[in-house]
Structure formats: C-alpha cells, structure tokens
Amino acid sequence: MIKQAGDALKQWQRGARMDIERMAILHQVWEREAGHLARHWALDGVKRGVLYVKVSSPAATQELQLRATSLMRALNKYFRSAWIKGIRPSRAS
C-alpha cells in the first residue's frame, strides 16, 4: 500500500512539474503568437485543457473568440502534443 501511495505521489509530482513547464513555455510564446492583441489579453490559466484569458473590453472578447482556433493551433505547436483544447475569456470577478 505504501509503495502504491508513493508511486501515486511521484506521478502527481511529475504531472505538476510538466504543467509548470508548459505554463512557462506558454508565457514565453504568448506575446509572439497573440501579436498586438496581447496588450488587450492576459493569460489567466489553463484548466482541463482550456486556456482562460482575461480581456480588456467586450471588443477584445469578440476578437479572442474569432481568433481562438488559429491561436490555439499556433500555441499548441510549441508542445509535443496538443495541450490546449479551447480558449475562453475569463469571467469577470
């Protein structure tokens, strides 16, 4: 039982480390791929493959929705497998 728990912990740590590495890569390439619109969009996080983006205005939200598919493809090319399955604006808090 302890060995199984230890294995589970190691697997979780490995997954957490991979997520940190992916986020670091994402932050590095965000402005390059988002272009001039990056000043209207800010990375908020990734949950279950969905990239959440803070937007500065309703117009920026609409632009994000229009460009989501091509932006998702552009960002995924930096990873071994497609990590980002969707892009959505963050809800206002």
N, C-alpha and C. Protein backbone atom coordinates (compact mmCIF):
# COMPACT_ATOMS: atom_id res chain seq x y z
N MET A 1 0.82 -1.19 0.00
CA MET A 1 0.00 0.00 0.00
C MET A 1 0.87 1.26 0.00
N ILE A 2 1.88 1.30 0.84
CA ILE A 2 2.74 2.48 0.90
C ILE A 2 3.48 2.66 -0.42
N LYS A 3 3.89 1.56 -1.01
CA LYS A 3 4.58 1.68 -2.29
C LYS A 3 3.64 2.27 -3.34
N GLN A 4 2.40 1.86 -3.36
CA GLN A 4 1.43 2.39 -4.31
C GLN A 4 1.18 3.88 -4.06
N ALA A 5 1.07 4.26 -2.80
CA ALA A 5 0.87 5.68 -2.48
C ALA A 5 2.10 6.48 -2.90
N GLY A 6 3.27 5.93 -2.68
CA GLY A 6 4.50 6.61 -3.09
C GLY A 6 4.57 6.77 -4.60
N ASP A 7 4.15 5.73 -5.31
CA ASP A 7 4.12 5.80 -6.77
C ASP A 7 3.13 6.86 -7.24
N ALA A 8 1.98 6.90 -6.58
CA ALA A 8 0.97 7.90 -6.95
C ALA A 8 1.49 9.31 -6.70
N LEU A 9 2.20 9.51 -5.60
CA LEU A 9 2.77 10.82 -5.29
C LEU A 9 3.80 11.23 -6.34
N LYS A 10 4.67 10.29 -6.71
CA LYS A 10 5.67 10.59 -7.74
C LYS A 10 5.02 10.95 -9.06
N GLN A 11 3.97 10.23 -9.42
CA GLN A 11 3.27 10.51 -10.67
C GLN A 11 2.62 11.89 -10.62
N TRP A 12 2.02 12.23 -9.49
CA TRP A 12 1.40 13.55 -9.33
C TRP A 12 2.45 14.65 -9.43
N GLN A 13 3.60 14.45 -8.77
CA GLN A 13 4.68 15.45 -8.82
C GLN A 13 5.18 15.63 -10.24
N ARG A 14 5.31 14.53 -10.97
CA ARG A 14 5.77 14.60 -12.35
C ARG A 14 4.77 15.39 -13.19
N GLY A 15 3.48 15.14 -12.99
CA GLY A 15 2.44 15.88 -13.72
C GLY A 15 2.44 17.35 -13.37
N ALA A 16 2.62 17.67 -12.09
CA ALA A 16 2.66 19.07 -11.67
C ALA A 16 3.87 19.78 -12.28
N ARG A 17 5.01 19.10 -12.33
CA ARG A 17 6.21 19.69 -12.92
C ARG A 17 5.99 19.95 -14.42
N MET A 18 5.33 19.01 -15.10
CA MET A 18 5.05 19.20 -16.52
C MET A 18 4.14 20.39 -16.74
N ASP A 19 3.13 20.57 -15.87
CA ASP A 19 2.23 21.72 -16.01
C ASP A 19 2.97 23.03 -15.81
N ILE A 20 3.89 23.07 -14.86
CA ILE A 20 4.68 24.28 -14.63
C ILE A 20 5.54 24.57 -15.86
N GLU A 21 6.14 23.53 -16.42
CA GLU A 21 6.97 23.72 -17.62
C GLU A 21 6.12 24.20 -18.80
N ARG A 22 4.94 23.63 -18.95
CA ARG A 22 4.05 24.06 -20.04
C ARG A 22 3.64 25.51 -19.88
N MET A 23 3.31 25.91 -18.65
CA MET A 23 2.91 27.30 -18.42
C MET A 23 4.06 28.25 -18.70
N ALA A 24 5.28 27.85 -18.35
CA ALA A 24 6.44 28.69 -18.62
C ALA A 24 6.61 28.88 -20.13
N ILE A 25 6.46 27.81 -20.89
CA ILE A 25 6.55 27.91 -22.35
C ILE A 25 5.43 28.79 -22.88
N LEU A 26 4.23 28.59 -22.38
CA LEU A 26 3.08 29.38 -22.82
C LEU A 26 3.31 30.87 -22.59
N HIS A 27 3.83 31.22 -21.42
CA HIS A 27 4.11 32.63 -21.13
C HIS A 27 5.17 33.20 -22.07
N GLN A 28 6.16 32.37 -22.42
CA GLN A 28 7.23 32.84 -23.30
C GLN A 28 6.73 33.12 -24.71
N VAL A 29 5.79 32.35 -25.21
CA VAL A 29 5.36 32.49 -26.61
C VAL A 29 4.07 33.28 -26.77
N TRP A 30 3.42 33.63 -25.67
CA TRP A 30 2.12 34.28 -25.73
C TRP A 30 2.14 35.56 -26.57
N GLU A 31 3.03 36.49 -26.27
CA GLU A 31 3.05 37.77 -26.99
C GLU A 31 3.39 37.57 -28.47
N ARG A 32 4.27 36.64 -28.74
CA ARG A 32 4.65 36.37 -30.13
C ARG A 32 3.43 35.90 -30.93
N GLU A 33 2.66 35.00 -30.36
CA GLU A 33 1.53 34.43 -31.08
C GLU A 33 0.28 35.31 -31.04
N ALA A 34 0.08 36.03 -29.95
CA ALA A 34 -1.09 36.90 -29.84
C ALA A 34 -0.86 38.23 -30.57
N GLY A 35 0.40 38.56 -30.81
CA GLY A 35 0.71 39.79 -31.55
C GLY A 35 0.29 41.04 -30.80
N HIS A 36 -0.15 42.02 -31.56
CA HIS A 36 -0.52 43.31 -30.95
C HIS A 36 -1.72 43.20 -30.02
N LEU A 37 -2.48 42.12 -30.14
CA LEU A 37 -3.65 41.93 -29.27
C LEU A 37 -3.27 41.47 -27.86
N ALA A 38 -2.02 41.09 -27.66
CA ALA A 38 -1.58 40.65 -26.33
C ALA A 38 -1.75 41.75 -25.29
N ARG A 39 -1.74 42.99 -25.71
CA ARG A 39 -1.92 44.07 -24.72
C ARG A 39 -3.38 44.18 -24.27
N HIS A 40 -4.28 43.53 -24.98
CA HIS A 40 -5.70 43.51 -24.60
C HIS A 40 -6.11 42.19 -23.95
N TRP A 41 -5.22 41.21 -24.01
CA TRP A 41 -5.48 39.88 -23.47
C TRP A 41 -4.37 39.52 -22.49
N ALA A 42 -4.72 38.91 -21.38
CA ALA A 42 -3.73 38.44 -20.41
C ALA A 42 -4.03 36.99 -20.04
N LEU A 43 -2.99 36.19 -20.00
CA LEU A 43 -3.18 34.79 -19.62
C LEU A 43 -3.70 34.72 -18.19
N ASP A 44 -4.71 33.88 -17.99
CA ASP A 44 -5.28 33.72 -16.66
C ASP A 44 -4.99 32.32 -16.12
N GLY A 45 -4.89 31.34 -16.98
CA GLY A 45 -4.58 29.99 -16.54
C GLY A 45 -5.16 28.95 -17.49
N VAL A 46 -4.82 27.70 -17.21
CA VAL A 46 -5.33 26.58 -18.01
C VAL A 46 -5.98 25.60 -17.06
N LYS A 47 -7.18 25.20 -17.40
CA LYS A 47 -7.90 24.21 -16.58
C LYS A 47 -8.54 23.20 -17.51
N ARG A 48 -8.16 21.94 -17.34
CA ARG A 48 -8.68 20.84 -18.16
C ARG A 48 -8.53 21.11 -19.65
N GLY A 49 -7.38 21.67 -20.02
CA GLY A 49 -7.10 21.90 -21.43
C GLY A 49 -7.67 23.18 -22.00
N VAL A 50 -8.41 23.93 -21.21
CA VAL A 50 -8.99 25.19 -21.69
C VAL A 50 -8.14 26.35 -21.18
N LEU A 51 -7.67 27.16 -22.10
CA LEU A 51 -6.89 28.35 -21.76
C LEU A 51 -7.85 29.49 -21.47
N TYR A 52 -7.76 30.05 -20.28
CA TYR A 52 -8.60 31.18 -19.90
C TYR A 52 -7.79 32.46 -20.03
N VAL A 53 -8.41 33.45 -20.65
CA VAL A 53 -7.73 34.71 -20.97
C VAL A 53 -8.55 35.87 -20.42
N LYS A 54 -7.88 36.76 -19.68
CA LYS A 54 -8.54 37.98 -19.21
C LYS A 54 -8.55 38.95 -20.38
N VAL A 55 -9.68 39.58 -20.60
CA VAL A 55 -9.81 40.52 -21.72
C VAL A 55 -10.08 41.92 -21.20
N SER A 56 -9.68 42.92 -21.98
CA SER A 56 -9.79 44.31 -21.52
C SER A 56 -11.11 44.97 -21.88
N SER A 57 -11.86 44.37 -22.80
CA SER A 57 -13.10 45.00 -23.25
C SER A 57 -13.97 43.98 -23.97
N PRO A 58 -15.23 44.33 -24.20
CA PRO A 58 -16.10 43.44 -25.00
C PRO A 58 -15.55 43.21 -26.41
N ALA A 59 -14.95 44.24 -26.99
CA ALA A 59 -14.37 44.09 -28.33
C ALA A 59 -13.21 43.09 -28.31
N ALA A 60 -12.41 43.13 -27.24
CA ALA A 60 -11.30 42.18 -27.11
C ALA A 60 -11.83 40.76 -26.92
N THR A 61 -12.96 40.63 -26.24
CA THR A 61 -13.59 39.32 -26.07
C THR A 61 -14.02 38.76 -27.43
N GLN A 62 -14.65 39.60 -28.21
CA GLN A 62 -15.12 39.16 -29.53
C GLN A 62 -13.93 38.77 -30.42
N GLU A 63 -12.88 39.57 -30.38
CA GLU A 63 -11.69 39.27 -31.18
C GLU A 63 -11.06 37.95 -30.74
N LEU A 64 -11.02 37.70 -29.44
CA LEU A 64 -10.49 36.44 -28.93
C LEU A 64 -11.32 35.27 -29.44
N GLN A 65 -12.63 35.41 -29.41
CA GLN A 65 -13.50 34.33 -29.89
C GLN A 65 -13.30 34.08 -31.38
N LEU A 66 -13.09 35.13 -32.14
CA LEU A 66 -12.88 34.97 -33.58
C LEU A 66 -11.55 34.30 -33.90
N ARG A 67 -10.54 34.58 -33.10
CA ARG A 67 -9.19 34.07 -33.36
C ARG A 67 -8.84 32.82 -32.55
N ALA A 68 -9.75 32.33 -31.75
CA ALA A 68 -9.44 31.24 -30.82
C ALA A 68 -8.86 30.01 -31.51
N THR A 69 -9.45 29.57 -32.59
CA THR A 69 -8.99 28.34 -33.25
C THR A 69 -7.58 28.49 -33.81
N SER A 70 -7.32 29.59 -34.50
CA SER A 70 -5.98 29.77 -35.07
C SER A 70 -4.95 30.02 -33.97
N LEU A 71 -5.33 30.73 -32.92
CA LEU A 71 -4.41 30.97 -31.80
C LEU A 71 -4.10 29.67 -31.08
N MET A 72 -5.11 28.83 -30.91
CA MET A 72 -4.92 27.54 -30.26
C MET A 72 -3.94 26.68 -31.06
N ARG A 73 -4.11 26.64 -32.36
CA ARG A 73 -3.18 25.89 -33.22
C ARG A 73 -1.76 26.43 -33.10
N ALA A 74 -1.63 27.75 -33.13
CA ALA A 74 -0.32 28.38 -33.06
C ALA A 74 0.37 28.08 -31.73
N LEU A 75 -0.37 28.11 -30.64
CA LEU A 75 0.22 27.84 -29.33
C LEU A 75 0.57 26.37 -29.16
N ASN A 76 -0.26 25.48 -29.66
CA ASN A 76 -0.02 24.04 -29.50
C ASN A 76 1.21 23.56 -30.25
N LYS A 77 1.67 24.30 -31.24
CA LYS A 77 2.85 23.84 -31.98
C LYS A 77 4.11 23.85 -31.12
N TYR A 78 4.06 24.49 -29.96
CA TYR A 78 5.22 24.54 -29.07
C TYR A 78 5.26 23.36 -28.10
N PHE A 79 4.28 22.48 -28.16
CA PHE A 79 4.20 21.35 -27.24
C PHE A 79 4.21 20.04 -28.02
N ARG A 80 4.67 18.97 -27.39
CA ARG A 80 4.74 17.66 -28.05
C ARG A 80 3.37 17.20 -28.54
N SER A 81 2.38 17.36 -27.71
CA SER A 81 1.02 17.01 -28.10
C SER A 81 0.12 18.21 -27.82
N ALA A 82 -1.01 18.24 -28.49
CA ALA A 82 -1.93 19.36 -28.33
C ALA A 82 -2.39 19.43 -26.87
N TRP A 83 -2.01 20.47 -26.19
CA TRP A 83 -2.32 20.64 -24.77
C TRP A 83 -3.56 21.51 -24.61
N ILE A 84 -3.66 22.54 -25.42
CA ILE A 84 -4.76 23.48 -25.32
C ILE A 84 -5.90 23.01 -26.22
N LYS A 85 -7.02 22.72 -25.62
CA LYS A 85 -8.19 22.20 -26.35
C LYS A 85 -9.20 23.28 -26.67
N GLY A 86 -9.09 24.41 -26.00
CA GLY A 86 -10.02 25.51 -26.22
C GLY A 86 -9.50 26.79 -25.58
N ILE A 87 -10.04 27.91 -26.01
CA ILE A 87 -9.67 29.21 -25.45
C ILE A 87 -10.96 29.94 -25.13
N ARG A 88 -11.04 30.45 -23.90
CA ARG A 88 -12.24 31.17 -23.47
C ARG A 88 -11.85 32.40 -22.68
N PRO A 89 -12.66 33.43 -22.76
CA PRO A 89 -12.42 34.59 -21.90
C PRO A 89 -12.74 34.23 -20.45
N SER A 90 -11.98 34.80 -19.52
CA SER A 90 -12.25 34.59 -18.09
C SER A 90 -13.49 35.35 -17.70
N ARG A 91 -14.18 34.82 -16.74
CA ARG A 91 -15.34 35.54 -16.21
C ARG A 91 -14.85 36.69 -15.35
N ALA A 92 -15.57 37.78 -15.38
CA ALA A 92 -15.22 38.93 -14.55
C ALA A 92 -15.39 38.55 -13.09
N SER A 93 -14.43 38.99 -12.27
CA SER A 93 -14.51 38.64 -10.85
C SER A 93 -14.95 39.80 -10.00
